[in-house]
């Protein structure tokens, strides 16, 4: 028998997801549901699906599935929306909360105006630079500005994990970079055993701590934004000497802006979160 299940569509910087409150009932086959309802022509339309679940160690647990049904360890834009939902629904009416993810417990600071959450600051934890833990098969203690050849083309990449694996490439004209042609090739390159999220970044002229970026997400293709990707770009920019550590870095994505701060203790991400609409689907 089919059931009608309520959902909420929310986005952070245009990175949109279908969210399900699973405190009472957990979704069955979320991978299949994500593929079906992420379709922008025959479904709701989104970059993936997020389940908000009870947790024994935090205020809630988040599970996120990409548009192709694969599960991600973390999603920076989605977790801010989870914080918004928990606060506004009364599930966790607090301005400091903890969310359990596959990549550990993340700490959220909620910013409220007129009883609505308009932005969230997330402690994303430490940036992982160990190639084996990212993972990437290249040798060395880290992959910072490393020259690699993929499909006959050379790229200078910096690899970082922020709960998800990322490869960052700085380029001087990101708008004319053929990301749709190249993104999939890099995502599926042999050196990335778990595939990779690929960010192409460009430093803004005369503004040391401002970066423009585009992102190709594994399992979703090019998206309007990626929170963990913006964190990875901020980290890579500091490691490459383009930006300053312990300083707010503005990352401009196609769907909006995020503020990233890379410190010795953690990477902090601050950005907006918005509810688009609520509805019901039949499963």
Protein backbone atom coordinates (compact mmCIF):
# COMPACT_ATOMS: atom_id res chain seq x y z
CA UNK A 1 0.00 0.00 0.00
CA UNK A 2 1.33 3.42 -0.93
CA UNK A 3 1.76 6.08 1.74
CA UNK A 4 1.68 9.86 1.61
CA UNK A 5 4.80 11.28 3.26
CA UNK A 6 5.38 14.99 4.01
CA UNK A 7 8.61 16.65 2.93
CA UNK A 8 10.26 20.05 2.94
CA UNK A 9 12.39 21.44 0.14
CA UNK A 10 15.19 23.72 1.37
CA UNK A 11 18.40 25.11 -0.06
CA UNK A 12 21.68 26.67 1.00
CA UNK A 13 23.23 28.91 -1.68
CA UNK A 14 21.06 27.20 -4.30
CA UNK A 15 22.22 23.71 -3.28
CA UNK A 16 18.72 22.23 -2.88
CA UNK A 17 17.56 19.06 -1.16
CA UNK A 18 14.34 17.27 -0.27
CA UNK A 19 14.22 16.83 3.52
CA UNK A 20 12.24 14.21 5.42
CA UNK A 21 11.51 14.30 9.16
CA UNK A 22 12.20 10.68 10.16
CA UNK A 23 11.89 11.03 13.94
CA UNK A 24 8.84 8.73 13.94
CA UNK A 25 9.22 6.75 10.73
CA UNK A 26 12.43 6.12 8.80
CA UNK A 27 12.30 6.02 5.00
CA UNK A 28 12.78 2.65 3.38
CA UNK A 29 15.06 2.51 0.30
CA UNK A 30 16.23 6.16 0.52
CA UNK A 31 18.71 5.62 -2.33
CA UNK A 32 15.90 4.71 -4.75
CA UNK A 33 13.70 7.53 -3.47
CA UNK A 34 16.52 10.03 -3.96
CA UNK A 35 17.00 9.02 -7.59
CA UNK A 36 13.27 9.20 -8.29
CA UNK A 37 12.41 12.47 -6.61
CA UNK A 38 15.61 14.39 -7.38
CA UNK A 39 14.74 14.30 -11.08
CA UNK A 40 14.00 17.89 -12.15
CA UNK A 41 11.54 16.89 -14.87
CA UNK A 42 9.68 13.90 -13.41
CA UNK A 43 10.25 14.43 -9.69
CA UNK A 44 10.42 17.22 -7.13
CA UNK A 45 13.80 18.37 -8.41
CA UNK A 46 16.84 18.56 -6.13
CA UNK A 47 20.52 17.75 -5.70
CA UNK A 48 19.56 14.90 -3.39
CA UNK A 49 17.62 13.70 -0.38
CA UNK A 50 18.20 14.28 3.34
CA UNK A 51 16.80 12.25 6.22
CA UNK A 52 16.57 13.94 9.65
CA UNK A 53 16.64 11.19 12.25
CA UNK A 54 16.79 10.81 16.04
CA UNK A 55 20.23 10.35 17.57
CA UNK A 56 21.44 8.88 20.85
CA UNK A 57 24.56 11.09 20.85
CA UNK A 58 23.35 14.42 19.38
CA UNK A 59 20.25 16.54 18.86
CA UNK A 60 19.58 14.76 15.56
CA UNK A 61 21.22 12.63 12.90
CA UNK A 62 21.54 13.54 9.23
CA UNK A 63 21.83 11.12 6.33
CA UNK A 64 22.27 12.58 2.86
CA UNK A 65 21.89 10.85 -0.52
CA UNK A 66 23.06 12.27 -3.84
CA UNK A 67 20.87 12.48 -6.92
CA UNK A 68 22.33 9.18 -8.16
CA UNK A 69 21.41 7.41 -4.92
CA UNK A 70 24.91 7.25 -3.43
CA UNK A 71 25.24 8.23 0.23
CA UNK A 72 27.59 11.06 1.21
CA UNK A 73 29.47 11.32 4.47
CA UNK A 74 28.72 15.01 4.91
CA UNK A 75 26.97 17.95 3.24
CA UNK A 76 27.71 21.48 4.41
CA UNK A 77 24.74 23.21 2.77
CA UNK A 78 22.27 20.53 3.86
CA UNK A 79 23.38 20.52 7.49
CA UNK A 80 22.64 24.24 7.81
CA UNK A 81 19.12 23.54 6.55
CA UNK A 82 18.80 20.69 9.05
CA UNK A 83 19.65 23.17 11.82
CA UNK A 84 16.99 25.56 10.50
CA UNK A 85 14.37 22.82 10.43
CA UNK A 86 15.17 21.54 13.92
CA UNK A 87 14.95 25.03 15.42
CA UNK A 88 11.83 26.23 13.61
CA UNK A 89 9.93 22.94 14.06
CA UNK A 90 10.73 22.84 17.77
CA UNK A 91 12.61 19.54 17.50
CA UNK A 92 15.63 21.32 18.98
CA UNK A 93 14.77 24.90 19.95
CA UNK A 94 18.33 25.93 20.76
CA UNK A 95 20.94 28.23 19.27
CA UNK A 96 23.74 25.72 19.73
CA UNK A 97 23.12 22.17 18.59
CA UNK A 98 24.92 18.99 17.62
CA UNK A 99 24.19 16.98 14.49
CA UNK A 100 25.42 13.42 13.99
CA UNK A 101 26.71 12.62 10.49
CA UNK A 102 28.65 9.78 8.91
CA UNK A 103 31.77 11.93 9.29
CA UNK A 104 31.21 12.63 12.98
CA UNK A 105 29.26 15.06 15.16
CA UNK A 106 29.14 18.63 13.85
CA UNK A 107 28.53 21.69 16.06
CA UNK A 108 26.08 24.32 14.80
CA UNK A 109 25.58 27.90 15.94
CA UNK A 110 22.12 29.14 14.91
CA UNK A 111 21.46 32.80 14.07
CA UNK A 112 17.80 33.76 14.52
CA UNK A 113 15.86 36.84 13.46
CA UNK A 114 12.12 37.23 14.13
CA UNK A 115 12.02 33.59 15.26
CA UNK A 116 13.34 32.41 11.90
CA UNK A 117 16.79 30.97 11.23
CA UNK A 118 18.53 32.99 8.52
CA UNK A 119 22.08 31.66 8.81
CA UNK A 120 24.11 28.95 10.54
CA UNK A 121 27.78 28.62 11.48
CA UNK A 122 29.09 25.07 11.35
CA UNK A 123 32.22 23.70 12.99
CA UNK A 124 33.23 21.33 10.21
CA UNK A 125 36.10 19.78 12.15
CA UNK A 126 39.70 19.53 11.02
CA UNK A 127 40.66 19.36 7.36
CA UNK A 128 42.06 15.93 6.46
CA UNK A 129 45.18 16.14 4.30
CA UNK A 130 46.43 12.54 4.60
CA UNK A 131 46.12 11.06 1.07
CA UNK A 132 45.11 7.61 2.38
CA UNK A 133 42.24 9.09 4.40
CA UNK A 134 40.91 11.39 1.66
CA UNK A 135 41.31 8.93 -0.24
CA UNK A 136 43.72 9.47 -3.14
CA UNK A 137 46.34 6.97 -4.26
CA UNK A 138 49.13 9.52 -4.84
CA UNK A 139 52.15 9.12 -2.57
CA UNK A 140 53.33 11.62 0.05
CA UNK A 141 52.25 13.21 3.32
CA UNK A 142 49.81 15.49 1.48
CA UNK A 143 48.67 16.53 -1.99
CA UNK A 144 49.22 20.29 -2.18
CA UNK A 145 49.71 21.84 -5.62
CA UNK A 146 50.54 18.40 -7.05
CA UNK A 147 50.81 18.01 -10.83
CA UNK A 148 48.68 15.13 -12.15
CA UNK A 149 47.66 13.97 -15.62
CA UNK A 150 44.03 12.93 -16.13
CA UNK A 151 42.72 11.95 -19.57
CA UNK A 152 45.81 13.44 -21.17
CA UNK A 153 45.50 16.84 -19.47
CA UNK A 154 47.67 18.21 -16.65
CA UNK A 155 46.19 19.77 -13.53
CA UNK A 156 47.77 21.14 -10.37
CA UNK A 157 45.48 19.90 -7.62
CA UNK A 158 45.21 20.12 -3.85
CA UNK A 159 43.31 17.29 -2.15
CA UNK A 160 41.33 17.75 1.07
CA UNK A 161 38.66 15.77 2.88
CA UNK A 162 35.97 17.63 4.81
CA UNK A 163 33.97 14.48 5.44
CA UNK A 164 33.80 14.17 1.64
CA UNK A 165 36.83 13.95 -0.68
CA UNK A 166 37.73 17.04 -2.71
CA UNK A 167 40.26 17.99 -5.37
CA UNK A 168 40.77 21.74 -5.85
CA UNK A 169 42.22 23.25 -9.04
CA UNK A 170 43.02 26.98 -9.30
CA UNK A 171 42.45 28.43 -12.76
CA UNK A 172 42.39 31.99 -14.11
CA UNK A 173 39.09 31.81 -16.03
CA UNK A 174 36.60 29.50 -14.36
CA UNK A 175 33.62 30.74 -16.37
CA UNK A 176 35.09 29.37 -19.59
CA UNK A 177 36.39 26.15 -18.07
CA UNK A 178 34.51 23.20 -19.64
CA UNK A 179 33.43 21.67 -16.34
CA UNK A 180 30.64 19.60 -17.92
CA UNK A 181 33.14 17.85 -20.16
CA UNK A 182 36.00 17.54 -17.68
CA UNK A 183 34.21 17.16 -14.33
CA UNK A 184 33.11 13.56 -14.83
CA UNK A 185 36.56 12.51 -16.03
CA UNK A 186 38.19 13.87 -12.89
CA UNK A 187 35.45 12.53 -10.62
CA UNK A 188 36.08 9.00 -11.91
CA UNK A 189 39.87 9.14 -12.34
CA UNK A 190 41.75 6.05 -11.16
CA UNK A 191 43.68 7.99 -8.49
CA UNK A 192 40.41 8.58 -6.60
CA UNK A 193 39.19 5.16 -5.37
CA UNK A 194 35.97 6.64 -3.88
CA UNK A 195 35.51 9.14 -6.72
CA UNK A 196 36.05 12.83 -5.98
CA UNK A 197 34.28 16.18 -5.77
CA UNK A 198 36.09 18.60 -8.06
CA UNK A 199 36.31 22.34 -7.43
CA UNK A 200 37.71 24.85 -9.88
CA UNK A 201 38.62 28.10 -8.12
CA UNK A 202 39.76 31.57 -9.10
CA UNK A 203 41.20 34.27 -6.84
CA UNK A 204 39.42 37.62 -7.10
CA UNK A 205 41.66 40.44 -8.32
CA UNK A 206 42.77 42.96 -5.66
CA UNK A 207 40.95 41.03 -2.92
CA UNK A 208 43.23 38.53 -1.19
CA UNK A 209 40.62 36.65 0.80
CA UNK A 210 37.88 36.34 -1.83
CA UNK A 211 37.54 33.33 -4.15
CA UNK A 212 35.10 32.41 -6.92
CA UNK A 213 34.44 28.72 -7.50
CA UNK A 214 32.44 26.19 -9.45
CA UNK A 215 31.91 22.63 -8.32
CA UNK A 216 31.35 19.22 -9.88
CA UNK A 217 29.88 16.96 -7.20
CA UNK A 218 30.28 13.20 -7.40
CA UNK A 219 26.91 11.68 -8.05
CA UNK A 220 25.24 14.99 -8.96
CA UNK A 221 27.34 16.80 -11.57
CA UNK A 222 27.71 20.58 -11.47
CA UNK A 223 25.66 22.14 -8.68
CA UNK A 224 24.97 25.71 -7.63
CA UNK A 225 27.01 25.31 -4.46
CA UNK A 226 28.81 22.84 -2.20
CA UNK A 227 29.50 23.59 1.46
CA UNK A 228 32.26 21.05 2.01
CA UNK A 229 33.67 22.08 -1.37
CA UNK A 230 33.83 25.73 -0.31
CA UNK A 231 35.64 24.61 2.85
CA UNK A 232 38.10 22.60 0.76
CA UNK A 233 38.73 25.61 -1.51
CA UNK A 234 39.37 27.83 1.51
CA UNK A 235 41.81 25.30 2.96
CA UNK A 236 43.57 24.84 -0.39
CA UNK A 237 43.90 28.61 -0.86
CA UNK A 238 45.60 28.96 2.52
CA UNK A 239 47.91 25.99 1.87
CA UNK A 240 48.87 27.44 -1.53
CA UNK A 241 49.57 30.86 0.01
CA UNK A 242 46.69 32.65 -1.73
CA UNK A 243 44.70 33.44 1.44
CA UNK A 244 45.42 33.99 5.13
CA UNK A 245 44.85 31.48 7.91
CA UNK A 246 42.56 32.40 10.84
CA UNK A 247 40.81 34.95 8.60
CA UNK A 248 37.33 35.06 7.08
CA UNK A 249 37.49 33.96 3.45
CA UNK A 250 34.57 34.81 1.17
CA UNK A 251 33.81 32.02 -1.28
CA UNK A 252 31.50 33.04 -4.12
CA UNK A 253 29.52 30.18 -5.62
CA UNK A 254 26.97 30.24 -8.42
CA UNK A 255 24.14 30.17 -5.88
CA UNK A 256 25.49 32.57 -3.25
CA UNK A 257 28.32 33.22 -0.82
CA UNK A 258 29.81 31.30 2.10
CA UNK A 259 32.28 32.51 4.70
CA UNK A 260 35.08 30.06 5.49
CA UNK A 261 37.69 30.28 8.26
CA UNK A 262 40.56 27.77 8.37
CA UNK A 263 42.26 27.43 11.75
CA UNK A 264 44.55 24.89 13.40
CA UNK A 265 41.57 23.54 15.36
CA UNK A 266 38.85 23.38 12.70
CA UNK A 267 37.31 24.77 9.54
CA UNK A 268 34.29 27.01 10.14
CA UNK A 269 31.59 27.60 7.54
CA UNK A 270 28.88 30.27 7.78
CA UNK A 271 26.02 30.72 5.34
CA UNK A 272 22.31 31.12 4.78
CA UNK A 273 19.54 28.53 4.62
CA UNK A 274 16.06 28.90 3.15
CA UNK A 275 12.85 26.91 2.99
CA UNK A 276 11.40 26.73 -0.53
CA UNK A 277 8.12 24.89 0.07
CA UNK A 278 6.44 21.99 1.86
CA UNK A 279 4.47 19.17 0.28
CA UNK A 280 3.54 15.50 0.24
CA UNK A 281 4.74 12.69 -1.94
CA UNK A 282 3.28 9.23 -2.46
CA UNK A 283 5.64 6.32 -1.92
